[in-house]
Protein backbone atom coordinates (compact mmCIF):
# COMPACT_ATOMS: atom_id res chain seq x y z
CA MET A 1 132.99 -105.72 32.91
CA LEU A 2 131.64 -105.64 36.45
CA THR A 3 131.87 -108.67 38.72
CA LEU A 4 129.28 -109.16 41.44
CA HIS A 5 130.56 -111.28 44.33
CA GLY A 6 128.23 -113.19 46.64
CA PHE A 7 125.43 -115.71 46.42
CA ALA A 8 121.88 -115.64 45.09
CA ALA A 9 120.22 -116.63 48.38
CA SER A 10 121.33 -113.30 49.88
CA ASN A 11 118.70 -110.56 49.83
CA TYR A 12 121.36 -107.82 49.81
CA TYR A 13 123.11 -109.49 46.88
CA ASN A 14 119.79 -109.53 45.07
CA ILE A 15 119.22 -105.80 45.62
CA VAL A 16 122.37 -105.05 43.64
CA LYS A 17 121.71 -107.79 41.08
CA HIS A 18 118.20 -106.47 40.45
CA CYS A 19 119.59 -102.98 39.80
CA LEU A 20 122.14 -104.28 37.30
CA LEU A 21 119.58 -106.39 35.47
CA TYR A 22 116.99 -103.60 35.42
CA LYS A 23 119.50 -101.19 33.89
CA GLY A 24 120.83 -103.79 31.44
CA VAL A 25 124.40 -103.44 32.71
CA PRO A 26 126.65 -106.36 31.67
CA PHE A 27 128.18 -108.18 34.64
CA THR A 28 129.46 -111.56 35.73
CA GLU A 29 128.64 -113.36 38.96
CA HIS A 30 131.26 -114.84 41.29
CA LEU A 31 129.73 -117.34 43.74
CA VAL A 32 131.37 -116.85 47.12
CA TYR A 33 130.22 -117.22 50.72
CA PRO A 34 131.10 -115.37 53.96
CA GLY A 35 134.11 -116.48 55.91
CA THR A 36 136.22 -117.31 52.86
CA PRO A 37 139.55 -115.75 51.83
CA GLU A 38 138.03 -115.12 48.38
CA LEU A 39 135.39 -112.82 49.83
CA LEU A 40 137.80 -111.07 52.19
CA ALA A 41 139.94 -110.26 49.17
CA VAL A 42 137.17 -108.09 47.72
CA SER A 43 135.18 -107.08 50.82
CA PRO A 44 137.11 -105.72 53.86
CA ALA A 45 134.43 -106.86 56.33
CA GLY A 46 133.84 -110.12 54.52
CA LYS A 47 130.25 -109.16 53.72
CA VAL A 48 128.09 -109.99 50.71
CA PRO A 49 127.70 -108.40 48.23
CA ALA A 50 130.89 -106.95 46.81
CA LEU A 51 131.51 -105.49 43.38
CA THR A 52 134.66 -105.29 41.28
CA THR A 53 134.48 -102.42 38.81
CA ALA A 54 135.77 -102.45 35.25
CA ALA A 55 138.82 -100.57 36.55
CA GLY A 56 139.51 -103.30 39.11
CA THR A 57 138.32 -101.39 42.20
CA HIS A 58 136.68 -103.52 44.89
CA LEU A 59 133.59 -102.01 46.53
CA SER A 60 131.29 -103.36 49.24
CA GLU A 61 128.08 -102.47 51.14
CA SER A 62 124.91 -102.71 49.07
CA SER A 63 123.92 -99.05 49.45
CA VAL A 64 127.35 -98.01 48.15
CA LEU A 65 127.07 -100.40 45.22
CA VAL A 66 123.65 -99.23 44.06
CA GLU A 67 124.75 -95.59 44.28
CA TYR A 68 127.87 -96.42 42.25
CA ILE A 69 125.80 -98.21 39.62
CA GLU A 70 123.43 -95.24 39.42
CA ASP A 71 126.35 -92.81 38.99
CA VAL A 72 128.22 -94.81 36.35
CA TYR A 73 125.20 -96.14 34.45
CA PRO A 74 122.65 -93.28 34.46
CA ASP A 75 120.41 -94.81 31.77
CA LYS A 76 117.08 -96.01 33.18
CA PRO A 77 117.56 -93.97 36.37
CA LEU A 78 116.41 -95.44 39.66
CA PHE A 79 116.49 -92.11 41.49
CA PRO A 80 114.16 -89.20 40.63
CA ALA A 81 115.76 -86.08 39.20
CA ASP A 82 114.22 -83.83 41.85
CA PRO A 83 116.39 -83.60 45.02
CA GLU A 84 113.36 -83.69 47.34
CA GLN A 85 112.07 -86.85 45.71
CA ARG A 86 115.54 -88.42 45.69
CA ALA A 87 115.69 -87.83 49.44
CA ARG A 88 112.29 -89.47 49.88
CA VAL A 89 113.52 -92.57 48.04
CA ARG A 90 116.60 -92.73 50.25
CA GLN A 91 114.43 -92.27 53.35
CA VAL A 92 112.28 -95.28 52.48
CA MET A 93 115.40 -97.34 51.80
CA LYS A 94 116.94 -96.41 55.16
CA VAL A 95 113.77 -96.90 57.21
CA ALA A 96 113.14 -100.30 55.61
CA GLU A 97 116.68 -101.47 56.32
CA LEU A 98 117.00 -100.15 59.89
CA TYR A 99 113.54 -100.98 61.21
CA LEU A 100 112.51 -104.04 59.19
CA GLU A 101 115.45 -106.00 57.79
CA LEU A 102 118.05 -105.61 60.53
CA PRO A 103 115.79 -106.39 63.51
CA ALA A 104 114.20 -109.35 61.73
CA ARG A 105 117.68 -110.66 60.93
CA ARG A 106 118.21 -111.26 64.67
CA LEU A 107 115.75 -114.16 64.37
CA LEU A 108 117.44 -115.83 61.40
CA PRO A 109 119.44 -118.28 63.60
CA ALA A 110 116.14 -119.75 64.77
CA VAL A 111 114.95 -120.26 61.19
CA LEU A 112 118.14 -121.33 59.45
CA GLY A 113 119.88 -123.13 62.31
CA ASN A 114 117.02 -124.31 64.54
CA LEU A 115 118.58 -122.34 67.38
CA THR A 116 116.58 -120.98 70.32
CA VAL A 117 116.00 -117.23 70.49
CA HIS A 118 115.03 -115.85 73.91
CA ASP A 119 111.56 -114.35 74.25
CA SER A 120 113.07 -111.03 75.35
CA VAL A 121 114.86 -110.79 71.99
CA LYS A 122 111.65 -111.57 70.14
CA LYS A 123 109.89 -108.81 72.10
CA GLU A 124 112.59 -106.30 71.13
CA VAL A 125 112.44 -107.37 67.51
CA GLN A 126 108.65 -107.05 67.39
CA ALA A 127 108.77 -103.56 68.89
CA THR A 128 111.25 -102.39 66.26
CA LEU A 129 109.28 -104.03 63.44
CA ASP A 130 106.13 -102.25 64.62
CA LYS A 131 108.03 -98.95 64.50
CA GLY A 132 109.20 -99.81 60.99
CA THR A 133 105.79 -100.68 59.60
CA ALA A 134 104.23 -97.58 61.18
CA SER A 135 106.94 -95.42 59.61
CA LEU A 136 106.57 -97.14 56.25
CA ALA A 137 102.81 -96.57 56.25
CA GLN A 138 103.46 -92.82 56.46
CA LEU A 139 106.11 -92.76 53.73
CA VAL A 140 104.86 -94.96 50.90
CA LYS A 141 102.44 -94.03 48.10
CA PHE A 142 101.92 -97.14 45.93
CA GLU A 143 100.85 -95.03 42.92
CA PRO A 144 101.54 -97.72 41.77
CA TRP A 145 105.16 -97.78 43.03
CA VAL A 146 106.53 -97.01 46.47
CA CYS A 147 107.29 -93.33 45.82
CA GLY A 148 104.90 -92.60 42.99
CA ALA A 149 104.45 -93.26 39.30
CA GLU A 150 107.98 -94.50 38.57
CA LEU A 151 109.81 -97.55 39.89
CA THR A 152 112.81 -96.46 41.97
CA LEU A 153 115.47 -97.92 44.22
CA ALA A 154 112.92 -97.70 47.03
CA ASP A 155 110.92 -100.46 45.30
CA ILE A 156 113.95 -102.68 44.76
CA TYR A 157 115.32 -102.14 48.27
CA LEU A 158 111.97 -102.71 49.96
CA ARG A 159 111.27 -105.89 48.00
CA TYR A 160 114.42 -107.65 49.18
CA VAL A 161 114.45 -106.09 52.66
CA LEU A 162 111.00 -107.59 53.25
CA ALA A 163 112.36 -111.07 52.51
CA ILE A 164 113.72 -111.39 56.06
CA PRO A 165 110.63 -110.31 58.06
CA LYS A 166 108.53 -112.45 55.71
CA MET A 167 110.80 -115.41 56.50
CA VAL A 168 110.98 -115.08 60.28
CA GLY A 169 107.72 -113.36 61.20
CA PRO A 170 105.15 -116.16 60.94
CA GLY A 171 107.09 -118.88 62.76
CA GLN A 172 108.93 -116.81 65.35
CA LEU A 173 106.48 -114.01 66.11
CA GLY A 174 103.13 -115.25 64.82
CA TRP A 175 103.15 -112.10 62.71
CA GLU A 176 102.86 -111.23 59.01
CA VAL A 177 104.45 -108.06 57.67
CA LEU A 178 102.43 -107.56 54.47
CA PRO A 179 99.02 -106.86 56.09
CA THR A 180 100.49 -104.20 58.40
CA VAL A 181 100.79 -101.49 55.72
CA PRO A 182 97.81 -100.68 53.46
CA GLY A 183 98.64 -101.55 49.87
CA LEU A 184 101.87 -103.37 50.71
CA ALA A 185 100.62 -106.86 49.81
CA GLU A 186 99.30 -105.70 46.44
CA TRP A 187 102.55 -103.87 45.66
CA ASP A 188 104.57 -106.93 46.72
CA ALA A 189 102.60 -109.13 44.31
CA ARG A 190 103.08 -106.57 41.53
CA MET A 191 106.83 -106.49 42.11
CA ALA A 192 106.99 -110.29 42.05
CA GLU A 193 105.53 -110.27 38.52
CA GLU A 194 108.24 -107.99 37.13
CA PRO A 195 110.52 -109.86 34.68
CA VAL A 196 113.69 -108.98 36.62
CA SER A 197 112.11 -110.15 39.88
CA ARG A 198 111.22 -113.47 38.29
CA GLN A 199 114.80 -113.99 37.11
CA VAL A 200 116.29 -113.06 40.49
CA ASP A 201 113.82 -115.32 42.32
CA ALA A 202 114.59 -118.26 40.05
CA ASP A 203 118.32 -117.86 40.65
CA GLN A 204 117.70 -117.59 44.39
CA GLN A 205 115.74 -120.82 44.46
CA ALA A 206 118.46 -122.57 42.49
CA ASN A 207 121.03 -121.50 45.10
CA MET A 208 119.03 -122.42 48.23
CA LYS A 209 120.12 -126.05 48.55
CA GLU A 210 123.81 -125.14 48.37
CA PHE A 211 123.31 -122.17 50.70
CA ARG A 212 121.56 -124.29 53.34
CA ALA A 213 124.39 -126.81 53.15
CA TYR A 214 126.85 -123.96 53.71
CA VAL A 215 124.84 -122.79 56.76
CA SER A 216 124.69 -126.30 58.22
CA LYS A 217 128.42 -126.73 57.81
CA ALA A 218 129.10 -123.34 59.42
CA ILE A 219 126.88 -124.16 62.41
CA SER A 220 128.52 -127.55 62.89
CA ALA A 221 131.98 -125.96 62.79
CA ALA A 222 130.94 -123.33 65.35
CA LYS A 223 129.77 -126.02 67.79
CA LYS A 224 133.11 -127.84 67.76
C-alpha cells in the first residue's frame, strides 16, 4: 500500500491526496513536518509531500507524485487521452504554480508568523500574480471544468494552488484572486462542493491547530 507523508494543512500535500481519493487508491497517511529526520528519510530536500510506493521506493515533488499515480493507477484518468489536451492540462498546472502559488508564498511569513514583508517584495509579488491571472484567463474554459467537460489534474492543481493567493492576497495586497478571471469564482465554488474536496478540507481544518503550533515553535527557534 502507498504511504503519503506530510500534513493536511499543506496545499501541495492535498493535491496528491485529492488525486488518490478521487481515483480510489488505497493509501495510509504519515503525519510529518518539515525539518524532521523522518521527512528527510523519505524526501531528499525535506519537502512535503513525499510518497512511499508499494515497492518501498520513496518519491517526492507533487508533480512527480501525481504523474506516478496516473501511470500506476490509470482507472479514472486525470489526463485526457489526446496529447494536445494533455499538454494543455500540464500548461495550466505549470502556469498556476509558477505565477500564482510560488509568488504568493513569499508573503506567507507575514500571514503565518506576523513578520514584516517589505513593500518592494509585495510589488514584485503583485506583478507576478497579475501575469498569472492574465495567463490563466487565456487558458481556462470552465465548461464546466478548467480544460473542458471532464475534471482533470488541472482542476485539482488549480484548486490547491489558489489556496495561497487566497490566503495572503486580501490582507497583504488588498487584492482578491477569484474576481480576476471570469468564471473562476463559480468554478472554485463548484470544486468546493465535490465530495473529495469536502473530505480534504475537513482534514485540513482538523490539522490547522497543530500546524500553527509547529509554525510558532519553528519561528521561536529561528529567533534564538
